[in-house]
Amino acid sequence: MTSSPRRPRVVVVPDSFKGSATAAEVADAMVAGVRAAARGAGIPEPEVRAVPFADGGEGTLDALLDAWGSTPRLVAATDALGRPARARWGLAPDGATAIVEAAEVNGLPQVSDVPLQPLAATTRGVGTVVRAALDAGCSELLLCIGGSATTDGGAGLLRELGVRFLDVDGRELPDGGGALERLHRVDAEGLDPRAAAVRWRIACDVTNPLVGERGAAAVFSPQKGATPVDVAILDRGLRRLAAVLLAVTGVDVADLPGAGAAGGLPAGLHALLGAELAPGGELVAAAVGLPDLLADADLVLTGEGRLDQQSFHGKVVDTVRRLTPAPVPVVAVAGSVTATTAEIDAAGLTAAFSIARGPASLDELRAGAVEAVTATTTQVVRVWLASRTTSD
């Protein structure tokens, strides 16, 4: 007796189409397209696994919650200016991994209603969210740090975990990166022991060092309202922080690649707690078990709002392509495709398709994005199914 051949396996791993659809909505639309193609071909429906995805930046919390089937948890915290705020965070079903998206509290949108205060902005609220995750008993913290309004080297977060930042007279410095140039000593005796016991992983997709012309202050703080004078003050403060951390821990974070992300937020965490910095896509992939899913796929569908040359440098499409074993085809469906054919070939994609079906305004394209993703995916999968039938 011969067994029937297994159904083909399709894995759907899209990013959000920012401004148009969440990663979960895009994934659902792609799944609908796969099923429509199978119905049209009169064949059994392929096995489809959908993994809404993100690269460690905006939307990562939602993507992981969707992948885990978890609901967000809420905690009372403070924004970058110390005002009351509510923040979401997530916990994996097994309770082991917590996901904290720092921009939930220290993001620029949260303080867009008032003049920016680059010297005073603090990551203290992020520390409050981290404490909630520790209270829940997690053993691993996945910290996503993009979109911040802060340049304090992570000092505010560490204060909430019990670390003290003191001047030459032993007095606590005020919050914000503007005070760090007066830093004399870091006292970690009161550090929450749970923070030292968990594994810290920071989603970091830039390689900027903490200080200097490519550092946190010079490159990113002007986006957060810093004047040239403020930039100089913040850079001096981060240099001082790096020097004091080196004296305390023996770890030099001044030139550490990625330490300049999110206003230097990884710096103190790396020096004091051994936090690992890694590309966000890889961390998210590991958290949802994506490599195992891709290993058994016959077709992989991915995508994002705009597929361009930058998509092939640590973004979702790039991560999915790198994790998919050859010769499994990887096809991207995007809102727009501006990458050249040569760039698409060099990136290792099988093909890339835009969902735009004709002249339309941006508002019209956004309004019809979900339906267009389904329609485009249907056409892609029809061609793939036909090629399988021909080869068989």
Protein backbone atom coordinates (compact mmCIF):
# COMPACT_ATOMS: atom_id res chain seq x y z
CA MET A 1 0.00 0.00 0.00
CA THR A 2 1.46 3.33 -1.01
CA SER A 3 0.95 6.43 1.07
CA SER A 4 -0.47 9.56 -0.56
CA PRO A 5 2.04 12.33 -1.16
CA ARG A 6 2.06 15.03 1.47
CA ARG A 7 0.48 18.34 0.70
CA PRO A 8 2.87 21.14 -0.24
CA ARG A 9 3.82 23.44 2.64
CA VAL A 10 3.67 27.20 2.30
CA VAL A 11 5.10 29.47 4.98
CA VAL A 12 3.90 33.08 5.03
CA VAL A 13 6.21 35.54 6.84
CA PRO A 14 5.39 39.20 6.09
CA ASP A 15 6.25 42.47 7.78
CA SER A 16 3.56 45.11 8.19
CA PHE A 17 2.72 47.46 5.34
CA LYS A 18 3.18 50.57 7.43
CA GLY A 19 0.25 52.91 7.22
CA SER A 20 -1.82 50.30 5.42
CA ALA A 21 -1.97 46.96 7.26
CA THR A 22 -0.43 45.21 10.24
CA ALA A 23 1.79 42.19 9.78
CA ALA A 24 -1.08 39.98 10.98
CA GLU A 25 -3.47 41.50 8.44
CA VAL A 26 -0.95 41.01 5.63
CA ALA A 27 -0.35 37.41 6.73
CA ASP A 28 -4.09 36.68 6.72
CA ALA A 29 -4.38 38.22 3.26
CA MET A 30 -1.54 36.07 1.95
CA VAL A 31 -3.10 32.93 3.42
CA ALA A 32 -6.37 33.81 1.69
CA GLY A 33 -4.46 34.13 -1.58
CA VAL A 34 -2.84 30.72 -1.17
CA ARG A 35 -6.23 29.10 -0.54
CA ALA A 36 -7.86 30.93 -3.46
CA ALA A 37 -5.13 29.69 -5.80
CA ALA A 38 -5.64 26.11 -4.69
CA ARG A 39 -9.39 26.33 -5.15
CA GLY A 40 -8.93 27.79 -8.61
CA ALA A 41 -6.61 24.95 -9.54
CA GLY A 42 -9.02 22.35 -8.16
CA ILE A 43 -6.40 20.79 -5.93
CA PRO A 44 -6.20 20.12 -2.18
CA GLU A 45 -5.30 23.18 -0.16
CA PRO A 46 -1.59 23.39 0.76
CA GLU A 47 -0.55 23.34 4.39
CA VAL A 48 -0.11 27.00 5.28
CA ARG A 49 1.72 28.40 8.30
CA ALA A 50 1.49 32.14 8.88
CA VAL A 51 4.03 34.02 11.00
CA PRO A 52 3.44 37.79 11.21
CA PHE A 53 6.94 39.17 11.53
CA ALA A 54 8.99 42.26 12.36
CA ASP A 55 12.68 43.16 12.37
CA GLY A 56 12.97 44.25 16.01
CA GLY A 57 11.72 47.79 15.43
CA GLU A 58 8.23 49.22 15.43
CA GLY A 59 5.59 46.50 15.38
CA THR A 60 7.72 43.74 16.88
CA LEU A 61 5.60 43.49 20.02
CA ASP A 62 2.44 43.02 17.96
CA ALA A 63 4.13 40.53 15.65
CA LEU A 64 5.33 38.36 18.52
CA LEU A 65 2.01 38.52 20.34
CA ASP A 66 0.29 37.34 17.16
CA ALA A 67 2.83 34.56 16.63
CA TRP A 68 2.55 33.42 20.26
CA GLY A 69 -1.23 33.76 20.40
CA SER A 70 -0.75 35.94 23.48
CA THR A 71 -2.56 39.04 24.65
CA PRO A 72 -0.65 42.18 25.63
CA ARG A 73 -0.08 42.95 29.26
CA LEU A 74 -0.42 46.50 30.57
CA VAL A 75 1.64 48.32 33.17
CA ALA A 76 1.56 51.86 34.52
CA ALA A 77 4.83 53.57 33.65
CA THR A 78 6.15 56.99 32.64
CA ASP A 79 7.05 58.48 29.26
CA ALA A 80 10.40 60.00 28.30
CA LEU A 81 9.51 63.20 30.16
CA GLY A 82 8.38 61.44 33.34
CA ARG A 83 4.65 61.82 32.75
CA PRO A 84 2.24 58.97 33.57
CA ALA A 85 1.84 56.50 30.71
CA ARG A 86 0.45 53.05 30.06
CA ALA A 87 2.68 50.54 28.31
CA ARG A 88 2.07 47.17 26.71
CA TRP A 89 4.49 44.28 26.90
CA GLY A 90 4.25 40.58 26.11
CA LEU A 91 5.04 37.19 27.56
CA ALA A 92 5.51 33.95 25.66
CA PRO A 93 3.01 31.18 26.46
CA ASP A 94 5.62 29.26 28.44
CA GLY A 95 6.35 32.33 30.57
CA ALA A 96 10.05 32.22 29.75
CA THR A 97 10.51 35.06 27.25
CA ALA A 98 9.26 38.60 27.74
CA ILE A 99 9.10 41.12 24.92
CA VAL A 100 9.49 44.81 25.80
CA GLU A 101 9.19 47.41 23.06
CA ALA A 102 10.91 50.44 24.55
CA ALA A 103 9.10 52.94 22.34
CA GLU A 104 5.86 52.06 24.11
CA VAL A 105 7.04 54.53 26.78
CA ASN A 106 10.17 56.34 25.59
CA GLY A 107 9.12 56.79 21.97
CA LEU A 108 8.99 60.11 20.16
CA PRO A 109 5.23 59.90 19.47
CA GLN A 110 4.52 59.78 23.20
CA VAL A 111 6.07 63.24 23.70
CA SER A 112 5.05 64.85 20.41
CA ASP A 113 2.48 67.04 22.17
CA VAL A 114 5.14 69.20 23.86
CA PRO A 115 8.52 70.70 22.89
CA LEU A 116 11.20 68.01 22.84
CA GLN A 117 13.61 67.95 25.78
CA PRO A 118 16.67 66.05 24.58
CA LEU A 119 18.79 66.71 27.67
CA ALA A 120 16.12 65.59 30.15
CA ALA A 121 14.47 62.71 28.29
CA THR A 122 14.85 59.44 30.20
CA THR A 123 14.48 55.69 29.75
CA ARG A 124 13.21 55.29 33.32
CA GLY A 125 9.78 54.22 32.08
CA VAL A 126 11.33 51.37 30.12
CA GLY A 127 12.80 50.14 33.39
CA THR A 128 9.34 50.09 34.90
CA VAL A 129 8.12 47.81 32.12
CA VAL A 130 11.16 45.58 32.58
CA ARG A 131 10.38 45.25 36.29
CA ALA A 132 6.87 44.08 35.39
CA ALA A 133 8.41 41.38 33.19
CA LEU A 134 10.72 40.33 36.01
CA ASP A 135 7.77 40.22 38.41
CA ALA A 136 6.09 37.80 35.99
CA GLY A 137 9.03 35.41 36.35
CA CYS A 138 10.56 35.57 32.88
CA SER A 139 14.02 34.11 32.36
CA GLU A 140 14.79 35.98 29.14
CA LEU A 141 14.16 39.58 28.10
CA LEU A 142 13.92 40.56 24.45
CA LEU A 143 14.24 44.35 24.31
CA CYS A 144 13.31 46.20 21.12
CA ILE A 145 14.65 49.74 21.16
CA GLY A 146 13.86 51.72 18.01
CA GLY A 147 12.10 55.09 17.80
CA SER A 148 13.30 56.55 21.09
CA ALA A 149 13.14 60.15 22.31
CA THR A 150 16.06 59.59 24.69
CA THR A 151 19.85 59.90 24.78
CA ASP A 152 20.70 58.78 28.32
CA GLY A 153 22.79 55.67 27.68
CA GLY A 154 20.14 53.53 29.36
CA ALA A 155 20.77 55.19 32.72
CA GLY A 156 17.08 55.75 33.41
CA LEU A 157 16.24 52.09 32.80
CA LEU A 158 19.04 51.01 35.12
CA ARG A 159 17.90 53.43 37.84
CA GLU A 160 14.57 51.63 37.94
CA LEU A 161 16.46 48.39 38.52
CA GLY A 162 18.36 49.80 41.48
CA VAL A 163 21.54 51.29 39.96
CA ARG A 164 22.60 54.72 41.22
CA PHE A 165 24.38 57.38 39.15
CA LEU A 166 26.30 59.73 41.45
CA ASP A 167 28.23 62.98 41.12
CA VAL A 168 31.54 63.74 42.81
CA ASP A 169 29.73 64.60 46.05
CA GLY A 170 27.81 61.33 46.10
CA ARG A 171 24.51 62.90 45.09
CA GLU A 172 22.11 61.29 42.62
CA LEU A 173 22.23 62.89 39.21
CA PRO A 174 18.93 64.03 37.71
CA ASP A 175 17.37 62.03 34.91
CA GLY A 176 18.43 62.52 31.31
CA GLY A 177 21.61 62.43 29.28
CA GLY A 178 22.34 66.11 29.94
CA ALA A 179 23.50 65.34 33.47
CA LEU A 180 25.84 62.48 32.61
CA GLU A 181 28.88 64.67 32.01
CA ARG A 182 28.90 65.19 35.82
CA LEU A 183 28.89 61.44 36.48
CA HIS A 184 31.56 60.34 38.95
CA ARG A 185 30.45 56.88 40.10
CA VAL A 186 28.03 54.13 39.18
CA ASP A 187 26.78 52.24 42.24
CA ALA A 188 25.29 48.86 41.30
CA GLU A 189 25.04 47.44 44.81
CA GLY A 190 21.27 47.89 44.81
CA LEU A 191 20.77 46.24 41.42
CA ASP A 192 17.76 43.94 41.37
CA PRO A 193 19.32 40.45 41.41
CA ARG A 194 16.63 39.21 39.04
CA ALA A 195 17.91 41.61 36.39
CA ALA A 196 21.34 40.03 36.63
CA ALA A 197 19.93 36.51 36.50
CA VAL A 198 17.91 36.77 33.27
CA ARG A 199 19.28 36.63 29.75
CA TRP A 200 19.11 40.02 28.03
CA ARG A 201 18.92 40.27 24.25
CA ILE A 202 18.63 43.62 22.52
CA ALA A 203 17.27 43.93 19.00
CA CYS A 204 19.75 46.29 17.38
CA ASP A 205 19.87 46.96 13.64
CA VAL A 206 22.41 49.78 13.59
CA THR A 207 26.15 49.53 14.16
CA ASN A 208 26.75 53.05 15.46
CA PRO A 209 29.13 53.29 18.42
CA LEU A 210 28.15 55.07 21.61
CA VAL A 211 30.24 58.21 21.07
CA GLY A 212 31.98 60.24 18.39
CA GLU A 213 30.92 61.50 14.99
CA ARG A 214 28.90 58.34 14.34
CA GLY A 215 27.68 58.02 17.91
CA ALA A 216 24.28 58.29 19.56
CA ALA A 217 24.42 62.03 20.16
CA ALA A 218 25.90 63.13 16.83
CA VAL A 219 23.74 60.97 14.58
CA PHE A 220 20.44 60.50 16.36
CA SER A 221 19.87 63.21 18.97
CA PRO A 222 19.13 65.99 16.42
CA GLN A 223 16.05 63.96 15.47
CA LYS A 224 15.06 64.20 19.13
CA GLY A 225 15.32 67.98 19.31
CA ALA A 226 19.00 68.43 20.16
CA THR A 227 20.75 71.61 19.08
CA PRO A 228 24.47 71.56 18.21
CA VAL A 229 25.19 72.66 21.79
CA ASP A 230 22.97 69.87 23.13
CA VAL A 231 24.73 67.33 20.90
CA ALA A 232 28.09 68.29 22.42
CA ILE A 233 26.71 68.02 25.97
CA LEU A 234 25.14 64.63 25.30
CA ASP A 235 28.28 63.25 23.66
CA ARG A 236 30.41 64.37 26.61
CA GLY A 237 27.94 62.71 28.95
CA LEU A 238 28.01 59.43 27.06
CA ARG A 239 31.81 59.52 26.99
CA ARG A 240 31.83 60.00 30.73
CA LEU A 241 29.35 57.15 31.18
CA ALA A 242 31.54 54.85 29.08
CA ALA A 243 34.64 55.78 31.11
CA VAL A 244 32.93 55.14 34.46
CA LEU A 245 31.42 51.84 33.26
CA LEU A 246 34.86 50.75 32.06
CA ALA A 247 36.31 51.47 35.49
CA VAL A 248 33.53 49.53 37.25
CA THR A 249 33.11 46.55 34.92
CA GLY A 250 36.19 46.41 32.71
CA VAL A 251 33.87 46.51 29.69
CA ASP A 252 34.50 49.24 27.11
CA VAL A 253 31.26 50.31 25.41
CA ALA A 254 32.49 53.56 23.83
CA ASP A 255 33.16 52.00 20.43
CA LEU A 256 30.95 48.93 20.75
CA PRO A 257 29.03 48.46 17.48
CA GLY A 258 25.36 49.08 18.15
CA ALA A 259 25.86 50.76 21.52
CA GLY A 260 24.73 54.05 20.00
CA ALA A 261 21.27 52.74 19.14
CA ALA A 262 18.26 54.40 20.79
CA GLY A 263 20.34 57.08 22.47
CA GLY A 264 22.90 54.61 23.79
CA LEU A 265 20.33 52.48 25.59
CA PRO A 266 22.32 49.23 25.14
CA ALA A 267 25.51 50.65 26.68
CA GLY A 268 24.81 50.27 30.38
CA LEU A 269 22.88 47.05 29.91
CA HIS A 270 25.79 45.47 28.05
CA ALA A 271 28.41 46.60 30.55
CA LEU A 272 26.52 45.80 33.76
CA LEU A 273 24.26 42.92 32.75
CA GLY A 274 25.99 41.32 29.78
CA ALA A 275 23.13 42.15 27.41
CA GLU A 276 23.61 40.67 23.95
CA LEU A 277 23.19 42.91 20.90
CA ALA A 278 21.95 41.16 17.78
CA PRO A 279 20.05 41.92 14.57
CA GLY A 280 16.39 42.27 15.43
CA GLY A 281 15.14 39.94 12.73
CA GLU A 282 17.28 37.10 13.98
CA LEU A 283 16.09 37.56 17.57
CA VAL A 284 12.45 37.60 16.54
CA ALA A 285 12.97 34.56 14.31
CA ALA A 286 14.45 32.59 17.19
CA ALA A 287 11.64 33.66 19.53
CA VAL A 288 8.93 32.30 17.21
CA GLY A 289 10.79 29.19 16.00
CA LEU A 290 10.93 30.45 12.42
CA PRO A 291 14.04 28.50 11.28
CA ASP A 292 12.29 25.17 11.95
CA LEU A 293 9.21 26.24 10.00
CA LEU A 294 11.26 27.40 7.02
CA ALA A 295 13.26 24.19 6.97
CA ASP A 296 10.14 22.21 6.00
CA ALA A 297 8.69 24.74 3.52
CA ASP A 298 8.12 24.16 -0.18
CA LEU A 299 7.35 27.84 -0.82
CA VAL A 300 8.02 30.91 1.32
CA LEU A 301 6.10 34.16 0.91
CA THR A 302 7.31 37.34 2.53
CA GLY A 303 6.89 41.06 1.99
CA GLU A 304 6.77 44.60 3.29
CA GLY A 305 5.34 47.95 2.33
CA ARG A 306 8.26 49.05 0.18
CA LEU A 307 10.85 46.67 -1.23
CA ASP A 308 14.00 48.64 -1.98
CA GLN A 309 17.74 48.24 -1.67
CA GLN A 310 17.55 48.74 2.12
CA SER A 311 15.25 45.74 2.41
CA PHE A 312 18.25 43.48 1.91
CA HIS A 313 20.16 44.74 4.96
CA GLY A 314 18.67 43.16 8.06
CA LYS A 315 15.03 43.85 7.31
CA VAL A 316 12.28 41.23 7.35
CA VAL A 317 12.64 40.14 3.71
CA ASP A 318 16.40 39.76 4.14
CA THR A 319 16.04 37.77 7.36
CA VAL A 320 13.49 35.40 5.84
CA ARG A 321 15.58 34.87 2.73
CA ARG A 322 18.74 34.10 4.76
CA LEU A 323 16.94 31.63 7.02
CA THR A 324 15.27 29.75 4.17
CA PRO A 325 17.33 26.78 2.94
CA ALA A 326 18.17 26.53 -0.76
CA PRO A 327 16.56 25.70 -3.15
CA VAL A 328 13.20 26.64 -1.55
CA PRO A 329 11.73 29.58 -3.52
CA VAL A 330 11.26 32.84 -1.61
CA VAL A 331 8.86 35.34 -3.18
CA ALA A 332 8.24 38.86 -1.91
CA VAL A 333 4.91 40.65 -2.24
CA ALA A 334 5.22 44.37 -1.51
CA GLY A 335 3.30 47.60 -1.66
CA SER A 336 5.88 48.92 -4.08
CA VAL A 337 9.03 47.40 -5.57
CA THR A 338 11.82 49.85 -6.36
CA ALA A 339 14.68 47.36 -6.00
CA THR A 340 16.21 46.52 -9.35
CA THR A 341 16.16 43.06 -10.88
CA ALA A 342 19.89 42.82 -10.25
CA GLU A 343 19.42 43.70 -6.57
CA ILE A 344 16.61 41.18 -6.21
CA ASP A 345 18.78 38.48 -7.81
CA ALA A 346 21.78 39.38 -5.67
CA ALA A 347 19.62 39.18 -2.55
CA GLY A 348 18.67 35.62 -3.36
CA LEU A 349 14.96 36.22 -3.85
CA THR A 350 13.17 34.12 -6.44
CA ALA A 351 10.93 37.04 -7.44
CA ALA A 352 9.25 40.19 -6.14
CA PHE A 353 5.81 41.57 -7.02
CA SER A 354 4.08 44.86 -6.30
CA ILE A 355 0.42 44.84 -5.29
CA ALA A 356 -0.23 48.08 -7.23
CA ARG A 357 -2.56 47.25 -10.12
CA GLY A 358 -2.68 50.61 -11.85
CA PRO A 359 -2.62 54.36 -11.32
CA ALA A 360 -4.06 55.29 -7.91
CA SER A 361 -3.57 57.79 -5.15
CA LEU A 362 -1.63 56.81 -2.02
CA ASP A 363 -4.86 56.85 0.00
CA GLU A 364 -6.52 54.54 -2.51
CA LEU A 365 -3.58 52.12 -2.44
CA ARG A 366 -3.59 52.05 1.35
CA ALA A 367 -7.34 51.50 1.55
CA GLY A 368 -7.17 48.54 -0.82
CA ALA A 369 -3.90 47.06 0.38
CA VAL A 370 -5.28 43.95 2.07
CA GLU A 371 -7.42 42.94 -0.91
CA ALA A 372 -4.52 43.65 -3.28
CA VAL A 373 -2.18 41.45 -1.23
CA THR A 374 -4.66 38.59 -1.53
CA ALA A 375 -5.07 39.10 -5.28
CA THR A 376 -1.32 39.28 -5.92
CA THR A 377 -0.58 36.27 -3.73
CA THR A 378 -3.23 34.30 -5.59
CA GLN A 379 -1.47 34.94 -8.89
CA VAL A 380 1.95 34.08 -7.45
CA VAL A 381 0.75 30.79 -6.02
CA ARG A 382 -1.12 29.87 -9.21
CA VAL A 383 2.13 30.09 -11.15
CA TRP A 384 3.96 28.09 -8.47
CA LEU A 385 1.30 25.37 -8.42
CA ALA A 386 1.35 25.16 -12.21
CA SER A 387 5.14 24.76 -12.19
CA ARG A 388 4.84 21.91 -9.66
CA THR A 389 2.24 20.16 -11.83
CA THR A 390 4.45 20.50 -14.90
CA SER A 391 7.54 19.19 -13.10
CA ASP A 392 5.58 16.25 -11.69
